Amino acid sequence: MSLTSTVTESAQIVTVDGPRIDAAMAIQFKEEMREQTVDGHSRVILDLSRVDFIDSSGLGAIVAAMKQLGDHRQLDLAGLTPTVEKVFRLTRMDTIFQLFPSLDDAISARAG
């Protein structure tokens, strides 16, 4: 798993380039998110469109990434596959994060 990052006028987009965020990947994910987002944009969109599995360690890693951003920066999630979205809704994490069906939806939510 690796992360790629691009910056637009409205946000920094971090894409997860792998199918899983689980216990085996959680520490690596947190470290890469920190590296990618240090001193970055005030809004970060995490593109999860390539992720088809997440476990509790993966959820914890995403929460940790949100906390690393601090109080004045926002982490939104985009492109959740049905399986991943179900995990977020069952664990009520959808009340913590703003979930967008696609990356385009996430980008246009702030632009419009």
PDB file of N, CA and C in Angstrom:
ATOM      1  N   MET A   1       0.829  -1.180   0.000  1.00  0.00           N
ATOM      2  CA  MET A   1       0.000   0.000   0.000  1.00  0.00           C
ATOM      3  C   MET A   1       0.871   1.241   0.000  1.00  0.00           C
ATOM      4  N   SER A   2       0.451   2.215  -0.780  1.00  0.00           N
ATOM      5  CA  SER A   2       1.117   3.509  -0.752  1.00  0.00           C
ATOM      6  C   SER A   2       0.059   4.592  -0.914  1.00  0.00           C
ATOM      7  N   LEU A   3       0.464   5.808  -0.634  1.00  0.00           N
ATOM      8  CA  LEU A   3      -0.424   6.947  -0.767  1.00  0.00           C
ATOM      9  C   LEU A   3       0.161   7.904  -1.794  1.00  0.00           C
ATOM     10  N   THR A   4      -0.709   8.483  -2.617  1.00  0.00           N
ATOM     11  CA  THR A   4      -0.280   9.544  -3.524  1.00  0.00           C
ATOM     12  C   THR A   4      -1.083  10.779  -3.186  1.00  0.00           C
ATOM     13  N   SER A   5      -0.478  11.926  -3.426  1.00  0.00           N
ATOM     14  CA  SER A   5      -1.106  13.170  -3.028  1.00  0.00           C
ATOM     15  C   SER A   5      -1.054  14.186  -4.154  1.00  0.00           C
ATOM     16  N   THR A   6      -2.158  14.908  -4.323  1.00  0.00           N
ATOM     17  CA  THR A   6      -2.207  16.045  -5.242  1.00  0.00           C
ATOM     18  C   THR A   6      -2.888  17.189  -4.506  1.00  0.00           C
ATOM     19  N   VAL A   7      -2.554  18.403  -4.913  1.00  0.00           N
ATOM     20  CA  VAL A   7      -3.131  19.578  -4.273  1.00  0.00           C
ATOM     21  C   VAL A   7      -3.899  20.366  -5.321  1.00  0.00           C
ATOM     22  N   THR A   8      -5.143  20.717  -4.979  1.00  0.00           N
ATOM     23  CA  THR A   8      -5.962  21.580  -5.823  1.00  0.00           C
ATOM     24  C   THR A   8      -6.144  22.901  -5.073  1.00  0.00           C
ATOM     25  N   GLU A   9      -6.886  23.801  -5.674  1.00  0.00           N
ATOM     26  CA  GLU A   9      -7.150  25.072  -4.997  1.00  0.00           C
ATOM     27  C   GLU A   9      -7.933  24.862  -3.716  1.00  0.00           C
ATOM     28  N   SER A  10      -8.840  23.894  -3.714  1.00  0.00           N
ATOM     29  CA  SER A  10      -9.745  23.744  -2.575  1.00  0.00           C
ATOM     30  C   SER A  10      -9.330  22.679  -1.559  1.00  0.00           C
ATOM     31  N   ALA A  11      -8.404  21.790  -1.921  1.00  0.00           N
ATOM     32  CA  ALA A  11      -8.067  20.697  -1.001  1.00  0.00           C
ATOM     33  C   ALA A  11      -6.799  19.971  -1.428  1.00  0.00           C
ATOM     34  N   GLN A  12      -6.267  19.219  -0.479  1.00  0.00           N
ATOM     35  CA  GLN A  12      -5.229  18.241  -0.779  1.00  0.00           C
ATOM     36  C   GLN A  12      -5.941  16.899  -0.882  1.00  0.00           C
ATOM     37  N   ILE A  13      -5.673  16.170  -1.954  1.00  0.00           N
ATOM     38  CA  ILE A  13      -6.302  14.873  -2.172  1.00  0.00           C
ATOM     39  C   ILE A  13      -5.245  13.794  -1.958  1.00  0.00           C
ATOM     40  N   VAL A  14      -5.511  12.897  -1.013  1.00  0.00           N
ATOM     41  CA  VAL A  14      -4.613  11.775  -0.742  1.00  0.00           C
ATOM     42  C   VAL A  14      -5.348  10.508  -1.167  1.00  0.00           C
ATOM     43  N   THR A  15      -4.749   9.768  -2.091  1.00  0.00           N
ATOM     44  CA  THR A  15      -5.357   8.549  -2.612  1.00  0.00           C
ATOM     45  C   THR A  15      -4.639   7.334  -2.045  1.00  0.00           C
ATOM     46  N   VAL A  16      -5.418   6.388  -1.537  1.00  0.00           N
ATOM     47  CA  VAL A  16      -4.867   5.128  -1.043  1.00  0.00           C
ATOM     48  C   VAL A  16      -4.719   4.202  -2.240  1.00  0.00           C
ATOM     49  N   ASP A  17      -3.486   3.838  -2.554  1.00  0.00           N
ATOM     50  CA  ASP A  17      -3.196   2.980  -3.707  1.00  0.00           C
ATOM     51  C   ASP A  17      -3.034   1.534  -3.257  1.00  0.00           C
ATOM     52  N   GLY A  18      -4.104   0.967  -2.734  1.00  0.00           N
ATOM     53  CA  GLY A  18      -4.069  -0.416  -2.282  1.00  0.00           C
ATOM     54  C   GLY A  18      -5.456  -0.860  -1.889  1.00  0.00           C
ATOM     55  N   PRO A  19      -5.690  -2.166  -1.852  1.00  0.00           N
ATOM     56  CA  PRO A  19      -7.038  -2.676  -1.612  1.00  0.00           C
ATOM     57  C   PRO A  19      -7.430  -2.812  -0.143  1.00  0.00           C
ATOM     58  N   ARG A  20      -6.469  -2.643   0.791  1.00  0.00           N
ATOM     59  CA  ARG A  20      -6.777  -2.904   2.196  1.00  0.00           C
ATOM     60  C   ARG A  20      -6.142  -1.860   3.107  1.00  0.00           C
ATOM     61  N   ILE A  21      -6.887  -1.520   4.163  1.00  0.00           N
ATOM     62  CA  ILE A  21      -6.299  -0.810   5.302  1.00  0.00           C
ATOM     63  C   ILE A  21      -6.675  -1.661   6.509  1.00  0.00           C
ATOM     64  N   ASP A  22      -5.719  -2.463   6.948  1.00  0.00           N
ATOM     65  CA  ASP A  22      -5.977  -3.406   8.033  1.00  0.00           C
ATOM     66  C   ASP A  22      -4.830  -3.358   9.030  1.00  0.00           C
ATOM     67  N   ALA A  23      -4.841  -4.281   9.981  1.00  0.00           N
ATOM     68  CA  ALA A  23      -3.835  -4.286  11.041  1.00  0.00           C
ATOM     69  C   ALA A  23      -2.414  -4.317  10.483  1.00  0.00           C
ATOM     70  N   ALA A  24      -2.216  -5.043   9.401  1.00  0.00           N
ATOM     71  CA  ALA A  24      -0.881  -5.147   8.811  1.00  0.00           C
ATOM     72  C   ALA A  24      -0.425  -3.831   8.177  1.00  0.00           C
ATOM     73  N   MET A  25      -1.357  -2.971   7.796  1.00  0.00           N
ATOM     74  CA  MET A  25      -1.035  -1.740   7.088  1.00  0.00           C
ATOM     75  C   MET A  25      -1.237  -0.476   7.922  1.00  0.00           C
ATOM     76  N   ALA A  26      -1.855  -0.594   9.092  1.00  0.00           N
ATOM     77  CA  ALA A  26      -2.280   0.590   9.848  1.00  0.00           C
ATOM     78  C   ALA A  26      -1.130   1.523  10.211  1.00  0.00           C
ATOM     79  N   ILE A  27      -0.034   0.995  10.707  1.00  0.00           N
ATOM     80  CA  ILE A  27       1.086   1.839  11.117  1.00  0.00           C
ATOM     81  C   ILE A  27       1.691   2.540   9.905  1.00  0.00           C
ATOM     82  N   GLN A  28       1.880   1.799   8.826  1.00  0.00           N
ATOM     83  CA  GLN A  28       2.409   2.385   7.600  1.00  0.00           C
ATOM     84  C   GLN A  28       1.472   3.486   7.082  1.00  0.00           C
ATOM     85  N   PHE A  29       0.173   3.239   7.119  1.00  0.00           N
ATOM     86  CA  PHE A  29      -0.807   4.224   6.672  1.00  0.00           C
ATOM     87  C   PHE A  29      -0.683   5.510   7.489  1.00  0.00           C
ATOM     88  N   LYS A  30      -0.642   5.391   8.821  1.00  0.00           N
ATOM     89  CA  LYS A  30      -0.544   6.578   9.684  1.00  0.00           C
ATOM     90  C   LYS A  30       0.723   7.375   9.386  1.00  0.00           C
ATOM     91  N   GLU A  31       1.848   6.667   9.218  1.00  0.00           N
ATOM     92  CA  GLU A  31       3.114   7.352   8.949  1.00  0.00           C
ATOM     93  C   GLU A  31       3.077   8.067   7.606  1.00  0.00           C
ATOM     94  N   GLU A  32       2.556   7.394   6.582  1.00  0.00           N
ATOM     95  CA  GLU A  32       2.486   8.020   5.261  1.00  0.00           C
ATOM     96  C   GLU A  32       1.516   9.195   5.238  1.00  0.00           C
ATOM     97  N   MET A  33       0.396   9.070   5.943  1.00  0.00           N
ATOM     98  CA  MET A  33      -0.545  10.192   6.017  1.00  0.00           C
ATOM     99  C   MET A  33       0.110  11.398   6.680  1.00  0.00           C
ATOM    100  N   ARG A  34       0.841  11.151   7.752  1.00  0.00           N
ATOM    101  CA  ARG A  34       1.528  12.248   8.437  1.00  0.00           C
ATOM    102  C   ARG A  34       2.524  12.925   7.504  1.00  0.00           C
ATOM    103  N   GLU A  35       3.317  12.116   6.791  1.00  0.00           N
ATOM    104  CA  GLU A  35       4.298  12.665   5.855  1.00  0.00           C
ATOM    105  C   GLU A  35       3.628  13.459   4.730  1.00  0.00           C
ATOM    106  N   GLN A  36       2.526  12.925   4.205  1.00  0.00           N
ATOM    107  CA  GLN A  36       1.848  13.561   3.073  1.00  0.00           C
ATOM    108  C   GLN A  36       1.144  14.857   3.472  1.00  0.00           C
ATOM    109  N   THR A  37       0.671  14.947   4.714  1.00  0.00           N
ATOM    110  CA  THR A  37      -0.201  16.063   5.087  1.00  0.00           C
ATOM    111  C   THR A  37       0.436  17.072   6.037  1.00  0.00           C
ATOM    112  N   VAL A  38       1.688  16.881   6.385  1.00  0.00           N
ATOM    113  CA  VAL A  38       2.321  17.830   7.302  1.00  0.00           C
ATOM    114  C   VAL A  38       2.324  19.226   6.659  1.00  0.00           C
ATOM    115  N   ASP A  39       1.886  20.200   7.403  1.00  0.00           N
ATOM    116  CA  ASP A  39       1.838  21.592   6.925  1.00  0.00           C
ATOM    117  C   ASP A  39       1.130  21.734   5.585  1.00  0.00           C
ATOM    118  N   GLY A  40       0.070  21.002   5.405  1.00  0.00           N
ATOM    119  CA  GLY A  40      -0.628  21.027   4.124  1.00  0.00           C
ATOM    120  C   GLY A  40      -1.864  21.904   4.137  1.00  0.00           C
ATOM    121  N   HIS A  41      -2.710  21.621   3.208  1.00  0.00           N
ATOM    122  CA  HIS A  41      -3.954  22.349   2.992  1.00  0.00           C
ATOM    123  C   HIS A  41      -4.874  22.215   4.205  1.00  0.00           C
ATOM    124  N   SER A  42      -5.792  23.162   4.373  1.00  0.00           N
ATOM    125  CA  SER A  42      -6.720  23.107   5.508  1.00  0.00           C
ATOM    126  C   SER A  42      -7.771  22.003   5.349  1.00  0.00           C
ATOM    127  N   ARG A  43      -7.979  21.538   4.118  1.00  0.00           N
ATOM    128  CA  ARG A  43      -8.917  20.433   3.877  1.00  0.00           C
ATOM    129  C   ARG A  43      -8.190  19.304   3.154  1.00  0.00           C
ATOM    130  N   VAL A  44      -8.295  18.114   3.719  1.00  0.00           N
ATOM    131  CA  VAL A  44      -7.706  16.925   3.117  1.00  0.00           C
ATOM    132  C   VAL A  44      -8.849  15.978   2.762  1.00  0.00           C
ATOM    133  N   ILE A  45      -8.836  15.492   1.518  1.00  0.00           N
ATOM    134  CA  ILE A  45      -9.812  14.497   1.078  1.00  0.00           C
ATOM    135  C   ILE A  45      -9.077  13.178   0.914  1.00  0.00           C
ATOM    136  N   LEU A  46      -9.508  12.168   1.625  1.00  0.00           N
ATOM    137  CA  LEU A  46      -8.919  10.840   1.522  1.00  0.00           C
ATOM    138  C   LEU A  46      -9.748  10.031   0.528  1.00  0.00           C
ATOM    139  N   ASP A  47      -9.139   9.714  -0.601  1.00  0.00           N
ATOM    140  CA  ASP A  47      -9.808   8.957  -1.663  1.00  0.00           C
ATOM    141  C   ASP A  47      -9.641   7.468  -1.384  1.00  0.00           C
ATOM    142  N   LEU A  48     -10.742   6.821  -1.024  1.00  0.00           N
ATOM    143  CA  LEU A  48     -10.725   5.398  -0.668  1.00  0.00           C
ATOM    144  C   LEU A  48     -11.313   4.519  -1.765  1.00  0.00           C
ATOM    145  N   SER A  49     -11.393   5.022  -2.981  1.00  0.00           N
ATOM    146  CA  SER A  49     -12.069   4.294  -4.064  1.00  0.00           C
ATOM    147  C   SER A  49     -11.394   2.973  -4.433  1.00  0.00           C
ATOM    148  N   ARG A  50     -10.120   2.800  -4.091  1.00  0.00           N
ATOM    149  CA  ARG A  50      -9.418   1.546  -4.414  1.00  0.00           C
ATOM    150  C   ARG A  50      -9.397   0.573  -3.241  1.00  0.00           C
ATOM    151  N   VAL A  51      -9.970   0.980  -2.114  1.00  0.00           N
ATOM    152  CA  VAL A  51      -9.944   0.153  -0.906  1.00  0.00           C
ATOM    153  C   VAL A  51     -11.223  -0.674  -0.837  1.00  0.00           C
ATOM    154  N   ASP A  52     -11.088  -2.006  -0.778  1.00  0.00           N
ATOM    155  CA  ASP A  52     -12.285  -2.839  -0.645  1.00  0.00           C
ATOM    156  C   ASP A  52     -12.371  -3.545   0.702  1.00  0.00           C
ATOM    157  N   PHE A  53     -11.392  -3.313   1.592  1.00  0.00           N
ATOM    158  CA  PHE A  53     -11.462  -3.918   2.921  1.00  0.00           C
ATOM    159  C   PHE A  53     -10.829  -2.979   3.937  1.00  0.00           C
ATOM    160  N   ILE A  54     -11.526  -2.813   5.060  1.00  0.00           N
ATOM    161  CA  ILE A  54     -10.980  -2.058   6.185  1.00  0.00           C
ATOM    162  C   ILE A  54     -11.418  -2.756   7.463  1.00  0.00           C
ATOM    163  N   ASP A  55     -10.512  -2.840   8.425  1.00  0.00           N
ATOM    164  CA  ASP A  55     -10.876  -3.429   9.717  1.00  0.00           C
ATOM    165  C   ASP A  55     -10.750  -2.359  10.796  1.00  0.00           C
ATOM    166  N   SER A  56     -10.911  -2.763  12.056  1.00  0.00           N
ATOM    167  CA  SER A  56     -10.895  -1.786  13.145  1.00  0.00           C
ATOM    168  C   SER A  56      -9.553  -1.060  13.254  1.00  0.00           C
ATOM    169  N   SER A  57      -8.474  -1.742  12.929  1.00  0.00           N
ATOM    170  CA  SER A  57      -7.166  -1.088  12.934  1.00  0.00           C
ATOM    171  C   SER A  57      -7.087  -0.023  11.847  1.00  0.00           C
ATOM    172  N   GLY A  58      -7.683  -0.312  10.702  1.00  0.00           N
ATOM    173  CA  GLY A  58      -7.738   0.664   9.626  1.00  0.00           C
ATOM    174  C   GLY A  58      -8.569   1.869  10.000  1.00  0.00           C
ATOM    175  N   LEU A  59      -9.721   1.628  10.639  1.00  0.00           N
ATOM    176  CA  LEU A  59     -10.542   2.738  11.124  1.00  0.00           C
ATOM    177  C   LEU A  59      -9.756   3.583  12.117  1.00  0.00           C
ATOM    178  N   GLY A  60      -9.076   2.911  13.018  1.00  0.00           N
ATOM    179  CA  GLY A  60      -8.263   3.627  14.008  1.00  0.00           C
ATOM    180  C   GLY A  60      -7.167   4.457  13.363  1.00  0.00           C
ATOM    181  N   ALA A  61      -6.584   3.942  12.304  1.00  0.00           N
ATOM    182  CA  ALA A  61      -5.526   4.668  11.600  1.00  0.00           C
ATOM    183  C   ALA A  61      -6.081   5.926  10.928  1.00  0.00           C
ATOM    184  N   ILE A  62      -7.283   5.841  10.384  1.00  0.00           N
ATOM    185  CA  ILE A  62      -7.906   7.012   9.754  1.00  0.00           C
ATOM    186  C   ILE A  62      -8.269   8.049  10.813  1.00  0.00           C
ATOM    187  N   VAL A  63      -8.770   7.601  11.965  1.00  0.00           N
ATOM    188  CA  VAL A  63      -9.059   8.522  13.065  1.00  0.00           C
ATOM    189  C   VAL A  63      -7.765   9.190  13.533  1.00  0.00           C
ATOM    190  N   ALA A  64      -6.692   8.414  13.651  1.00  0.00           N
ATOM    191  CA  ALA A  64      -5.403   8.975  14.062  1.00  0.00           C
ATOM    192  C   ALA A  64      -4.922  10.020  13.053  1.00  0.00           C
ATOM    193  N   ALA A  65      -5.132   9.747  11.761  1.00  0.00           N
ATOM    194  CA  ALA A  65      -4.745  10.717  10.723  1.00  0.00           C
ATOM    195  C   ALA A  65      -5.539  12.004  10.874  1.00  0.00           C
ATOM    196  N   MET A  66      -6.823  11.890  11.201  1.00  0.00           N
ATOM    197  CA  MET A  66      -7.648  13.074  11.417  1.00  0.00           C
ATOM    198  C   MET A  66      -7.118  13.875  12.606  1.00  0.00           C
ATOM    199  N   LYS A  67      -6.763  13.193  13.684  1.00  0.00           N
ATOM    200  CA  LYS A  67      -6.248  13.870  14.871  1.00  0.00           C
ATOM    201  C   LYS A  67      -4.904  14.529  14.595  1.00  0.00           C
ATOM    202  N   GLN A  68      -4.074  13.908  13.757  1.00  0.00           N
ATOM    203  CA  GLN A  68      -2.780  14.494  13.401  1.00  0.00           C
ATOM    204  C   GLN A  68      -2.947  15.816  12.668  1.00  0.00           C
ATOM    205  N   LEU A  69      -4.067  15.966  11.956  1.00  0.00           N
ATOM    206  CA  LEU A  69      -4.300  17.212  11.227  1.00  0.00           C
ATOM    207  C   LEU A  69      -4.557  18.374  12.172  1.00  0.00           C
ATOM    208  N   GLY A  70      -5.065  18.100  13.347  1.00  0.00           N
ATOM    209  CA  GLY A  70      -5.341  19.155  14.313  1.00  0.00           C
ATOM    210  C   GLY A  70      -6.751  19.710  14.162  1.00  0.00           C
ATOM    211  N   ASP A  71      -7.049  20.677  15.006  1.00  0.00           N
ATOM    212  CA  ASP A  71      -8.396  21.227  15.085  1.00  0.00           C
ATOM    213  C   ASP A  71      -8.786  22.115  13.910  1.00  0.00           C
ATOM    214  N   HIS A  72      -7.816  22.708  13.242  1.00  0.00           N
ATOM    215  CA  HIS A  72      -8.127  23.688  12.209  1.00  0.00           C
ATOM    216  C   HIS A  72      -8.039  23.127  10.794  1.00  0.00           C
ATOM    217  N   ARG A  73      -7.911  21.818  10.703  1.00  0.00           N
ATOM    218  CA  ARG A  73      -7.867  21.166   9.394  1.00  0.00           C
ATOM    219  C   ARG A  73      -8.922  20.072   9.370  1.00  0.00           C
ATOM    220  N   GLN A  74      -9.439  19.785   8.183  1.00  0.00           N
ATOM    221  CA  GLN A  74     -10.561  18.854   8.042  1.00  0.00           C
ATOM    222  C   GLN A  74     -10.166  17.670   7.171  1.00  0.00           C
ATOM    223  N   LEU A  75     -10.619  16.476   7.561  1.00  0.00           N
ATOM    224  CA  LEU A  75     -10.418  15.265   6.770  1.00  0.00           C
ATOM    225  C   LEU A  75     -11.775  14.744   6.324  1.00  0.00           C
ATOM    226  N   ASP A  76     -12.000  14.731   5.012  1.00  0.00           N
ATOM    227  CA  ASP A  76     -13.212  14.163   4.429  1.00  0.00           C
ATOM    228  C   ASP A  76     -12.842  12.885   3.689  1.00  0.00           C
ATOM    229  N   LEU A  77     -13.809  11.982   3.561  1.00  0.00           N
ATOM    230  CA  LEU A  77     -13.570  10.694   2.911  1.00  0.00           C
ATOM    231  C   LEU A  77     -14.409  10.606   1.649  1.00  0.00           C
ATOM    232  N   ALA A  78     -13.808  10.089   0.584  1.00  0.00           N
ATOM    233  CA  ALA A  78     -14.505  10.025  -0.705  1.00  0.00           C
ATOM    234  C   ALA A  78     -14.315   8.663  -1.359  1.00  0.00           C
ATOM    235  N   GLY A  79     -15.326   8.285  -2.155  1.00  0.00           N
ATOM    236  CA  GLY A  79     -15.231   7.092  -2.986  1.00  0.00           C
ATOM    237  C   GLY A  79     -15.248   5.780  -2.236  1.00  0.00           C
ATOM    238  N   LEU A  80     -15.940   5.731  -1.109  1.00  0.00           N
ATOM    239  CA  LEU A  80     -15.977   4.495  -0.340  1.00  0.00           C
ATOM    240  C   LEU A  80     -16.721   3.414  -1.112  1.00  0.00           C
ATOM    241  N   THR A  81     -16.111   2.250  -1.205  1.00  0.00           N
ATOM    242  CA  THR A  81     -16.790   1.110  -1.816  1.00  0.00           C
ATOM    243  C   THR A  81     -17.916   0.682  -0.880  1.00  0.00           C
ATOM    244  N   PRO A  82     -18.917  -0.047  -1.371  1.00  0.00           N
ATOM    245  CA  PRO A  82     -20.042  -0.436  -0.500  1.00  0.00           C
ATOM    246  C   PRO A  82     -19.607  -1.162   0.774  1.00  0.00           C
ATOM    247  N   THR A  83     -18.622  -2.033   0.676  1.00  0.00           N
ATOM    248  CA  THR A  83     -18.158  -2.772   1.855  1.00  0.00           C
ATOM    249  C   THR A  83     -17.532  -1.841   2.881  1.00  0.00           C
ATOM    250  N   VAL A  84     -16.692  -0.923   2.421  1.00  0.00           N
ATOM    251  CA  VAL A  84     -16.029   0.021   3.327  1.00  0.00           C
ATOM    252  C   VAL A  84     -17.047   0.997   3.917  1.00  0.00           C
ATOM    253  N   GLU A  85     -17.965   1.473   3.093  1.00  0.00           N
ATOM    254  CA  GLU A  85     -18.991   2.391   3.601  1.00  0.00           C
ATOM    255  C   GLU A  85     -19.836   1.710   4.681  1.00  0.00           C
ATOM    256  N   LYS A  86     -20.140   0.445   4.497  1.00  0.00           N
ATOM    257  CA  LYS A  86     -20.933  -0.300   5.483  1.00  0.00           C
ATOM    258  C   LYS A  86     -20.211  -0.341   6.832  1.00  0.00           C
ATOM    259  N   VAL A  87     -18.901  -0.548   6.805  1.00  0.00           N
ATOM    260  CA  VAL A  87     -18.113  -0.569   8.042  1.00  0.00           C
ATOM    261  C   VAL A  87     -18.198   0.790   8.739  1.00  0.00           C
ATOM    262  N   PHE A  88     -18.070   1.877   7.970  1.00  0.00           N
ATOM    263  CA  PHE A  88     -18.152   3.213   8.558  1.00  0.00           C
ATOM    264  C   PHE A  88     -19.533   3.460   9.166  1.00  0.00           C
ATOM    265  N   ARG A  89     -20.576   3.010   8.502  1.00  0.00           N
ATOM    266  CA  ARG A  89     -21.932   3.244   9.012  1.00  0.00           C
ATOM    267  C   ARG A  89     -22.229   2.347  10.229  1.00  0.00           C
ATOM    268  N   LEU A  90     -21.815   1.087  10.193  1.00  0.00           N
ATOM    269  CA  LEU A  90     -22.053   0.180  11.324  1.00  0.00           C
ATOM    270  C   LEU A  90     -21.336   0.643  12.590  1.00  0.00           C
ATOM    271  N   THR A  91     -20.169   1.226  12.428  1.00  0.00           N
ATOM    272  CA  THR A  91     -19.392   1.690  13.576  1.00  0.00           C
ATOM    273  C   THR A  91     -19.723   3.140  13.940  1.00  0.00           C
ATOM    274  N   ARG A  92     -20.671   3.721  13.217  1.00  0.00           N
ATOM    275  CA  ARG A  92     -21.104   5.101  13.411  1.00  0.00           C
ATOM    276  C   ARG A  92     -20.002   6.119  13.146  1.00  0.00           C
ATOM    277  N   MET A  93     -18.991   5.721  12.434  1.00  0.00           N
ATOM    278  CA  MET A  93     -17.915   6.644  12.057  1.00  0.00           C
ATOM    279  C   MET A  93     -18.389   7.638  11.003  1.00  0.00           C
ATOM    280  N   ASP A  94     -19.535   7.345  10.405  1.00  0.00           N
ATOM    281  CA  ASP A  94     -20.107   8.288   9.450  1.00  0.00           C
ATOM    282  C   ASP A  94     -20.611   9.552  10.162  1.00  0.00           C
ATOM    283  N   THR A  95     -20.678   9.526  11.497  1.00  0.00           N
ATOM    284  CA  THR A  95     -21.032  10.729  12.245  1.00  0.00           C
ATOM    285  C   THR A  95     -19.798  11.573  12.562  1.00  0.00           C
ATOM    286  N   ILE A  96     -18.626  10.986  12.401  1.00  0.00           N
ATOM    287  CA  ILE A  96     -17.361  11.681  12.664  1.00  0.00           C
ATOM    288  C   ILE A  96     -16.806  12.301  11.384  1.00  0.00           C
ATOM    289  N   PHE A  97     -16.919  11.560  10.295  1.00  0.00           N
ATOM    290  CA  PHE A  97     -16.378  11.993   9.005  1.00  0.00           C
ATOM    291  C   PHE A  97     -17.504  12.342   8.048  1.00  0.00           C
ATOM    292  N   GLN A  98     -17.219  13.275   7.152  1.00  0.00           N
ATOM    293  CA  GLN A  98     -18.147  13.520   6.057  1.00  0.00           C
ATOM    294  C   GLN A  98     -17.773  12.556   4.935  1.00  0.00           C
ATOM    295  N   LEU A  99     -18.747  11.752   4.489  1.00  0.00           N
ATOM    296  CA  LEU A  99     -18.523  10.747   3.455  1.00  0.00           C
ATOM    297  C   LEU A  99     -19.127  11.239   2.148  1.00  0.00           C
ATOM    298  N   PHE A 100     -18.361  11.116   1.070  1.00  0.00           N
ATOM    299  CA  PHE A 100     -18.831  11.501  -0.256  1.00  0.00           C
ATOM    300  C   PHE A 100     -18.775  10.294  -1.176  1.00  0.00           C
ATOM    301  N   PRO A 101     -19.800  10.118  -2.037  1.00  0.00           N
ATOM    302  CA  PRO A 101     -19.840   8.954  -2.924  1.00  0.00           C
ATOM    303  C   PRO A 101     -18.649   8.873  -3.875  1.00  0.00           C
ATOM    304  N   SER A 102     -18.140  10.039  -4.292  1.00  0.00           N
ATOM    305  CA  SER A 102     -17.010  10.041  -5.226  1.00  0.00           C
ATOM    306  C   SER A 102     -16.090  11.212  -4.910  1.00  0.00           C
ATOM    307  N   LEU A 103     -14.904  11.166  -5.472  1.00  0.00           N
ATOM    308  CA  LEU A 103     -13.948  12.258  -5.316  1.00  0.00           C
ATOM    309  C   LEU A 103     -14.510  13.548  -5.911  1.00  0.00           C
ATOM    310  N   ASP A 104     -15.148  13.447  -7.061  1.00  0.00           N
ATOM    311  CA  ASP A 104     -15.753  14.629  -7.687  1.00  0.00           C
ATOM    312  C   ASP A 104     -16.804  15.260  -6.779  1.00  0.00           C
ATOM    313  N   ASP A 105     -17.619  14.420  -6.128  1.00  0.00           N
ATOM    314  CA  ASP A 105     -18.611  14.940  -5.186  1.00  0.00           C
ATOM    315  C   ASP A 105     -17.961  15.680  -4.040  1.00  0.00           C
ATOM    316  N   ALA A 106     -16.879  15.132  -3.519  1.00  0.00           N
ATOM    317  CA  ALA A 106     -16.166  15.772  -2.402  1.00  0.00           C
ATOM    318  C   ALA A 106     -15.583  17.113  -2.822  1.00  0.00           C
ATOM    319  N   ILE A 107     -14.975  17.159  -3.996  1.00  0.00           N
ATOM    320  CA  ILE A 107     -14.373  18.400  -4.477  1.00  0.00           C
ATOM    321  C   ILE A 107     -15.441  19.458  -4.718  1.00  0.00           C
ATOM    322  N   SER A 108     -16.530  19.079  -5.388  1.00  0.00           N
ATOM    323  CA  SER A 108     -17.564  20.058  -5.716  1.00  0.00           C
ATOM    324  C   SER A 108     -18.371  20.482  -4.497  1.00  0.00           C
ATOM    325  N   ALA A 109     -18.363  19.699  -3.420  1.00  0.00           N
ATOM    326  CA  ALA A 109     -19.114  20.073  -2.213  1.00  0.00           C
ATOM    327  C   ALA A 109     -18.607  21.388  -1.642  1.00  0.00           C
ATOM    328  N   ARG A 110     -17.348  21.640  -1.755  1.00  0.00           N
ATOM    329  CA  ARG A 110     -16.773  22.889  -1.239  1.00  0.00           C
ATOM    330  C   ARG A 110     -16.786  23.985  -2.295  1.00  0.00           C
ATOM    331  N   ALA A 111     -16.650  23.574  -3.549  1.00  0.00           N
ATOM    332  CA  ALA A 111     -16.603  24.559  -4.627  1.00  0.00           C
ATOM    333  C   ALA A 111     -17.961  25.190  -4.867  1.00  0.00           C
ATOM    334  N   GLY A 112     -19.045  24.418  -4.642  1.00  0.00           N
ATOM    335  CA  GLY A 112     -20.378  24.899  -4.944  1.00  0.00           C
ATOM    336  C   GLY A 112     -21.074  25.407  -3.813  1.00  0.00           C
TER     337      GLY A 112
END
